[in-house]
């Protein structure tokens, strides 16, 4: 048995995350599984024309009590607020490889680093810091869908199954050895936020179990199969363009349901006509029109658009 496990204390982790929907539930899952989170690390926002310190501790401000439900709900969804409530130090990072940053994080003597959505490239000097390694929660079944926004591509590519992977981090993008995976179905009509929430719940539980397994000396790592790997970068405006004649009605319906409320509406081409769409109501594999030249028609529930197979009913944005 290693010196770490024989010490009979919980595993000590540094948690790297961001303000948003993905990181906070994973952090809470680690804390609920009795893993000691020694510090939370968040990326700093760039400040043009300034030269900020490489690392800065964020102190908890004075909080004015309020009865407003919105303020209370947003307070508890933040990893920073979660850390402050649990009296965990929070560090804002500008430069991870800086000696001051490395020294600050080294002083915590972490057994493991846990990452759940972090926008900065983590250098080798940080990856090699903890003896149990640096673990990442990735919402896809690696080696497929490597990259920064895998759930977008789950919808774009029309996958019926996705999942979560816990893997070791290395200097490349999402390519380290896999420690644990769990798949889940992508049901018709699910939204991006709902699917992300399911992945976060699974990911937090998987990560906590993986940390405890590593801490106990149970290592089930396996290399990724590069022949089966795929990578996608951040989506562009072109990735929100859909030609209905090239997709099945089910694919179009699920893409709009999942991503219609992305930053920009989906641009749906129906023959020579273009609809801008945020909502789809249903789809049908049966013919809505027997006229092969008709690419769309008005219906009681919305506009029916002919797809490669079937028809999808949409609610276009008024021009």
Protein backbone atom coordinates (compact mmCIF):
# COMPACT_ATOMS: atom_id res chain seq x y z
CA UNK A 1 0.00 0.00 0.00
CA UNK A 2 1.28 3.47 -0.86
CA UNK A 3 2.18 6.11 1.70
CA UNK A 4 -0.81 8.13 0.55
CA UNK A 5 -3.43 5.47 1.21
CA UNK A 6 -1.82 4.29 4.44
CA UNK A 7 -2.16 7.79 5.92
CA UNK A 8 -5.91 7.12 6.45
CA UNK A 9 -7.01 10.57 5.43
CA UNK A 10 -9.27 11.55 2.52
CA UNK A 11 -7.65 12.23 -0.84
CA UNK A 12 -6.70 15.88 -1.23
CA UNK A 13 -7.68 17.53 -4.53
CA UNK A 14 -7.26 20.82 -6.31
CA UNK A 15 -10.35 21.62 -8.36
CA UNK A 16 -10.07 23.51 -11.67
CA UNK A 17 -13.35 24.87 -13.03
CA UNK A 18 -15.30 27.84 -14.29
CA UNK A 19 -18.38 29.86 -13.49
CA UNK A 20 -21.16 28.07 -15.34
CA UNK A 21 -23.51 25.10 -15.31
CA UNK A 22 -20.94 22.33 -15.66
CA UNK A 23 -18.33 22.85 -12.93
CA UNK A 24 -20.41 23.47 -9.80
CA UNK A 25 -22.26 20.09 -9.64
CA UNK A 26 -18.97 18.24 -10.15
CA UNK A 27 -17.34 20.16 -7.30
CA UNK A 28 -20.31 19.42 -5.04
CA UNK A 29 -20.13 15.70 -5.92
CA UNK A 30 -16.47 15.60 -4.83
CA UNK A 31 -17.29 17.34 -1.55
CA UNK A 32 -20.26 15.06 -0.91
CA UNK A 33 -18.03 12.02 -1.37
CA UNK A 34 -15.71 13.25 1.42
CA UNK A 35 -12.84 14.18 -0.88
CA UNK A 36 -10.89 17.09 0.59
CA UNK A 37 -10.89 19.92 -1.93
CA UNK A 38 -7.97 22.03 -0.75
CA UNK A 39 -8.50 24.89 -3.21
CA UNK A 40 -10.60 25.92 -6.21
CA UNK A 41 -8.84 27.41 -9.22
CA UNK A 42 -10.66 29.54 -11.81
CA UNK A 43 -9.32 31.29 -14.92
CA UNK A 44 -9.05 35.07 -14.74
CA UNK A 45 -10.73 37.28 -17.31
CA UNK A 46 -8.16 39.12 -19.44
CA UNK A 47 -7.77 42.82 -18.70
CA UNK A 48 -6.53 44.73 -21.77
CA UNK A 49 -3.55 46.98 -21.10
CA UNK A 50 -2.92 45.64 -17.59
CA UNK A 51 -0.30 43.36 -16.11
CA UNK A 52 -2.11 41.39 -13.40
CA UNK A 53 -0.37 38.96 -11.07
CA UNK A 54 0.03 35.37 -12.23
CA UNK A 55 -2.20 34.17 -9.39
CA UNK A 56 -4.49 36.03 -7.02
CA UNK A 57 -6.64 34.83 -4.15
CA UNK A 58 -10.29 35.83 -4.40
CA UNK A 59 -11.61 36.98 -1.06
CA UNK A 60 -15.25 36.56 -0.19
CA UNK A 61 -17.05 39.93 -0.35
CA UNK A 62 -19.61 41.10 2.13
CA UNK A 63 -22.91 39.51 1.07
CA UNK A 64 -26.09 41.49 1.57
CA UNK A 65 -28.89 39.15 2.58
CA UNK A 66 -31.86 39.16 0.23
CA UNK A 67 -35.18 37.38 -0.02
CA UNK A 68 -35.14 37.43 -3.83
CA UNK A 69 -35.24 33.83 -5.13
CA UNK A 70 -33.27 34.69 -8.28
CA UNK A 71 -30.35 36.06 -6.30
CA UNK A 72 -30.31 33.03 -4.02
CA UNK A 73 -30.39 30.51 -6.87
CA UNK A 74 -27.54 32.18 -8.77
CA UNK A 75 -25.48 32.39 -5.59
CA UNK A 76 -25.45 28.64 -5.08
CA UNK A 77 -24.84 27.75 -8.73
CA UNK A 78 -21.35 29.28 -8.74
CA UNK A 79 -18.28 27.22 -7.91
CA UNK A 80 -16.75 30.31 -6.33
CA UNK A 81 -19.72 30.80 -4.01
CA UNK A 82 -19.80 27.06 -3.27
CA UNK A 83 -16.13 27.20 -2.29
CA UNK A 84 -16.60 30.25 -0.09
CA UNK A 85 -19.57 28.66 1.67
CA UNK A 86 -17.40 25.60 2.40
CA UNK A 87 -14.47 27.89 3.39
CA UNK A 88 -12.29 26.61 0.54
CA UNK A 89 -9.68 29.05 -0.84
CA UNK A 90 -10.34 30.32 -4.37
CA UNK A 91 -7.48 31.32 -6.67
CA UNK A 92 -7.83 33.29 -9.89
CA UNK A 93 -5.19 32.34 -12.46
CA UNK A 94 -3.67 34.45 -15.21
CA UNK A 95 -0.53 32.38 -15.91
CA UNK A 96 -0.47 28.73 -14.88
CA UNK A 97 3.18 28.01 -15.71
CA UNK A 98 4.45 31.01 -13.72
CA UNK A 99 6.74 29.96 -10.82
CA UNK A 100 4.53 31.83 -8.33
CA UNK A 101 1.48 29.89 -9.49
CA UNK A 102 3.32 26.57 -9.38
CA UNK A 103 4.66 27.30 -5.88
CA UNK A 104 1.21 28.30 -4.59
CA UNK A 105 -0.45 25.13 -5.89
CA UNK A 106 2.45 22.90 -4.83
CA UNK A 107 2.08 24.12 -1.24
CA UNK A 108 -1.30 22.38 -1.02
CA UNK A 109 0.40 19.00 -1.59
CA UNK A 110 -2.53 17.65 -3.62
CA UNK A 111 -2.93 13.96 -4.30
CA UNK A 112 -4.92 14.69 -7.45
CA UNK A 113 -6.08 17.53 -9.66
CA UNK A 114 -9.71 17.43 -10.86
CA UNK A 115 -10.79 19.45 -13.88
CA UNK A 116 -14.38 20.12 -15.01
CA UNK A 117 -14.54 22.77 -17.75
CA UNK A 118 -11.44 24.96 -17.66
CA UNK A 119 -10.50 27.40 -20.41
CA UNK A 120 -6.73 27.63 -19.92
CA UNK A 121 -4.21 25.14 -21.25
CA UNK A 122 -2.81 23.27 -18.26
CA UNK A 123 0.99 22.95 -18.62
CA UNK A 124 3.00 19.83 -17.92
CA UNK A 125 4.48 21.32 -14.72
CA UNK A 126 0.95 21.43 -13.25
CA UNK A 127 -0.20 18.10 -14.73
CA UNK A 128 2.77 16.36 -13.10
CA UNK A 129 2.27 18.04 -9.74
CA UNK A 130 -0.01 15.48 -7.97
CA UNK A 131 1.09 11.84 -7.58
CA UNK A 132 -2.31 10.46 -8.65
CA UNK A 133 -2.43 12.60 -11.78
CA UNK A 134 -4.63 15.25 -13.33
CA UNK A 135 -8.17 14.04 -14.17
CA UNK A 136 -10.67 15.64 -16.54
CA UNK A 137 -14.45 15.23 -16.87
CA UNK A 138 -15.34 15.21 -20.58
CA UNK A 139 -19.02 15.06 -21.70
CA UNK A 140 -18.52 12.63 -24.59
CA UNK A 141 -17.45 9.04 -25.12
CA UNK A 142 -13.77 9.49 -25.92
CA UNK A 143 -11.94 9.12 -28.20
CA UNK A 144 -14.91 10.49 -30.17
CA UNK A 145 -15.80 14.18 -29.91
CA UNK A 146 -12.62 15.58 -28.45
CA UNK A 147 -12.60 19.35 -28.12
CA UNK A 148 -14.09 22.23 -26.16
CA UNK A 149 -17.88 21.89 -26.80
CA UNK A 150 -18.60 18.19 -27.39
CA UNK A 151 -22.33 18.38 -26.66
CA UNK A 152 -22.85 20.83 -29.50
CA UNK A 153 -21.47 18.21 -31.88
CA UNK A 154 -23.60 15.50 -30.30
CA UNK A 155 -26.61 17.43 -31.61
CA UNK A 156 -24.97 18.52 -34.86
CA UNK A 157 -24.01 14.98 -35.80
CA UNK A 158 -27.33 13.52 -34.67
CA UNK A 159 -25.97 11.03 -32.12
CA UNK A 160 -28.56 8.99 -30.28
CA UNK A 161 -26.08 8.10 -27.53
CA UNK A 162 -23.46 10.15 -25.75
CA UNK A 163 -21.82 9.88 -22.35
CA UNK A 164 -19.12 11.03 -19.98
CA UNK A 165 -15.45 10.09 -19.79
CA UNK A 166 -13.00 10.49 -16.92
CA UNK A 167 -9.48 10.54 -18.32
CA UNK A 168 -5.95 11.49 -17.41
CA UNK A 169 -4.86 14.81 -18.84
CA UNK A 170 -1.74 15.19 -20.93
CA UNK A 171 -0.39 18.03 -23.07
CA UNK A 172 -2.79 17.27 -25.93
CA UNK A 173 -6.54 17.84 -26.21
CA UNK A 174 -8.60 15.13 -24.45
CA UNK A 175 -6.19 12.36 -25.49
CA UNK A 176 -5.06 10.92 -22.15
CA UNK A 177 -5.76 7.39 -20.93
CA UNK A 178 -9.36 6.62 -20.02
CA UNK A 179 -10.23 5.70 -16.43
CA UNK A 180 -14.03 5.50 -16.49
CA UNK A 181 -16.93 5.98 -18.89
CA UNK A 182 -20.70 5.91 -18.75
CA UNK A 183 -23.08 6.28 -21.68
CA UNK A 184 -26.54 7.83 -21.79
CA UNK A 185 -29.26 8.11 -24.38
CA UNK A 186 -30.06 11.37 -26.15
CA UNK A 187 -33.88 11.35 -26.20
CA UNK A 188 -35.88 13.18 -28.84
CA UNK A 189 -36.49 16.82 -27.99
CA UNK A 190 -33.96 17.19 -25.16
CA UNK A 191 -32.39 20.62 -24.73
CA UNK A 192 -28.67 21.34 -24.52
CA UNK A 193 -29.01 22.48 -20.90
CA UNK A 194 -30.90 19.34 -19.88
CA UNK A 195 -28.39 17.03 -21.56
CA UNK A 196 -25.50 18.96 -20.03
CA UNK A 197 -27.12 18.63 -16.60
CA UNK A 198 -27.38 14.86 -17.00
CA UNK A 199 -23.72 14.66 -18.08
CA UNK A 200 -22.66 16.81 -15.12
CA UNK A 201 -24.49 14.60 -12.64
CA UNK A 202 -22.96 11.44 -14.10
CA UNK A 203 -19.55 13.10 -14.41
CA UNK A 204 -19.44 14.20 -10.79
CA UNK A 205 -20.28 10.73 -9.52
CA UNK A 206 -17.82 9.05 -11.90
CA UNK A 207 -15.03 11.46 -10.98
CA UNK A 208 -15.52 10.97 -7.24
CA UNK A 209 -15.47 7.17 -7.60
CA UNK A 210 -12.39 7.36 -9.83
CA UNK A 211 -10.48 9.51 -7.33
CA UNK A 212 -11.23 7.06 -4.53
CA UNK A 213 -10.23 4.10 -6.73
CA UNK A 214 -6.90 5.71 -7.62
CA UNK A 215 -6.34 6.59 -3.98
CA UNK A 216 -6.89 2.93 -3.03
CA UNK A 217 -4.46 1.76 -5.69
CA UNK A 218 -7.10 0.51 -8.15
CA UNK A 219 -6.02 1.67 -11.58
CA UNK A 220 -8.02 0.63 -14.64
CA UNK A 221 -6.59 3.04 -17.20
CA UNK A 222 -6.65 2.20 -20.88
CA UNK A 223 -5.16 4.09 -23.82
CA UNK A 224 -7.46 5.77 -26.31
CA UNK A 225 -7.75 4.27 -29.77
CA UNK A 226 -6.44 6.99 -32.06
CA UNK A 227 -7.96 5.29 -35.10
CA UNK A 228 -11.42 6.01 -33.64
CA UNK A 229 -10.72 9.56 -32.50
CA UNK A 230 -12.45 12.71 -33.73
CA UNK A 231 -11.97 16.36 -32.83
CA UNK A 232 -14.18 19.45 -33.16
CA UNK A 233 -13.25 23.03 -32.36
CA UNK A 234 -15.61 25.77 -31.21
CA UNK A 235 -18.68 25.95 -33.46
CA UNK A 236 -19.03 28.82 -35.90
CA UNK A 237 -22.10 30.48 -37.41
CA UNK A 238 -21.85 28.05 -40.33
CA UNK A 239 -22.46 25.17 -37.94
CA UNK A 240 -25.92 26.59 -37.19
CA UNK A 241 -26.93 26.30 -40.85
CA UNK A 242 -29.05 23.26 -41.77
CA UNK A 243 -30.20 22.19 -45.24
CA UNK A 244 -33.37 20.22 -44.55
CA UNK A 245 -33.07 18.21 -47.76
CA UNK A 246 -29.83 16.69 -46.45
CA UNK A 247 -31.03 15.68 -42.98
CA UNK A 248 -33.74 13.39 -41.63
CA UNK A 249 -36.72 15.04 -39.94
CA UNK A 250 -35.72 13.51 -36.61
CA UNK A 251 -32.20 14.92 -36.90
CA UNK A 252 -33.50 18.42 -37.72
CA UNK A 253 -36.03 18.25 -34.86
CA UNK A 254 -33.42 17.23 -32.29
CA UNK A 255 -30.87 19.76 -33.52
CA UNK A 256 -33.37 22.62 -33.20
CA UNK A 257 -34.64 21.32 -29.83
CA UNK A 258 -31.10 21.06 -28.52
CA UNK A 259 -29.52 24.19 -29.93
CA UNK A 260 -32.31 26.51 -31.02
CA UNK A 261 -31.59 28.75 -28.04
CA UNK A 262 -27.84 28.86 -28.69
CA UNK A 263 -26.27 32.32 -29.17
CA UNK A 264 -27.88 32.71 -32.59
CA UNK A 265 -30.98 31.06 -34.10
CA UNK A 266 -30.66 28.11 -36.46
CA UNK A 267 -30.77 28.93 -40.16
CA UNK A 268 -32.94 26.28 -41.79
CA UNK A 269 -32.95 26.06 -45.59
CA UNK A 270 -36.11 24.63 -47.13
CA UNK A 271 -35.62 24.63 -50.87
CA UNK A 272 -35.07 28.26 -51.86
CA UNK A 273 -36.56 29.57 -48.62
CA UNK A 274 -34.65 30.26 -45.41
CA UNK A 275 -36.23 30.14 -41.95
CA UNK A 276 -34.61 31.37 -38.76
CA UNK A 277 -35.70 29.03 -35.99
CA UNK A 278 -35.42 28.57 -32.25
CA UNK A 279 -38.23 26.06 -31.68
CA UNK A 280 -39.46 22.85 -33.31
CA UNK A 281 -42.75 21.31 -32.18
CA UNK A 282 -42.71 17.82 -33.71
CA UNK A 283 -41.60 15.69 -36.62
CA UNK A 284 -43.21 13.02 -38.79
CA UNK A 285 -41.83 10.23 -40.91
CA UNK A 286 -45.03 10.26 -42.95
CA UNK A 287 -45.77 12.52 -45.90
CA UNK A 288 -47.33 15.84 -44.97
CA UNK A 289 -47.62 16.71 -48.65
CA UNK A 290 -47.76 14.53 -51.73
CA UNK A 291 -46.35 17.33 -53.87
CA UNK A 292 -42.65 16.47 -54.38
CA UNK A 293 -41.92 20.08 -55.35
CA UNK A 294 -43.31 21.48 -52.10
CA UNK A 295 -40.45 22.14 -49.64
CA UNK A 296 -42.65 23.56 -46.86
CA UNK A 297 -46.27 24.29 -46.03
CA UNK A 298 -48.16 26.13 -43.30
CA UNK A 299 -49.91 23.99 -40.68
CA UNK A 300 -51.97 24.61 -37.56
CA UNK A 301 -48.99 24.04 -35.23
CA UNK A 302 -46.41 25.84 -37.36
CA UNK A 303 -44.55 25.48 -40.63
CA UNK A 304 -43.93 21.94 -41.88
CA UNK A 305 -40.59 21.59 -43.67
CA UNK A 306 -39.75 18.68 -45.96
CA UNK A 307 -36.53 16.89 -44.97
CA UNK A 308 -34.50 14.17 -46.65
CA UNK A 309 -36.85 11.73 -44.94
CA UNK A 310 -40.00 12.96 -43.23
CA UNK A 311 -41.19 16.43 -42.24
CA UNK A 312 -40.41 18.65 -39.25
CA UNK A 313 -42.74 21.26 -37.77
CA UNK A 314 -41.05 24.53 -36.79
CA UNK A 315 -41.96 27.91 -35.36
CA UNK A 316 -39.98 30.44 -37.40
CA UNK A 317 -38.86 33.71 -35.88
CA UNK A 318 -40.91 36.57 -37.33
CA UNK A 319 -38.80 38.58 -39.75
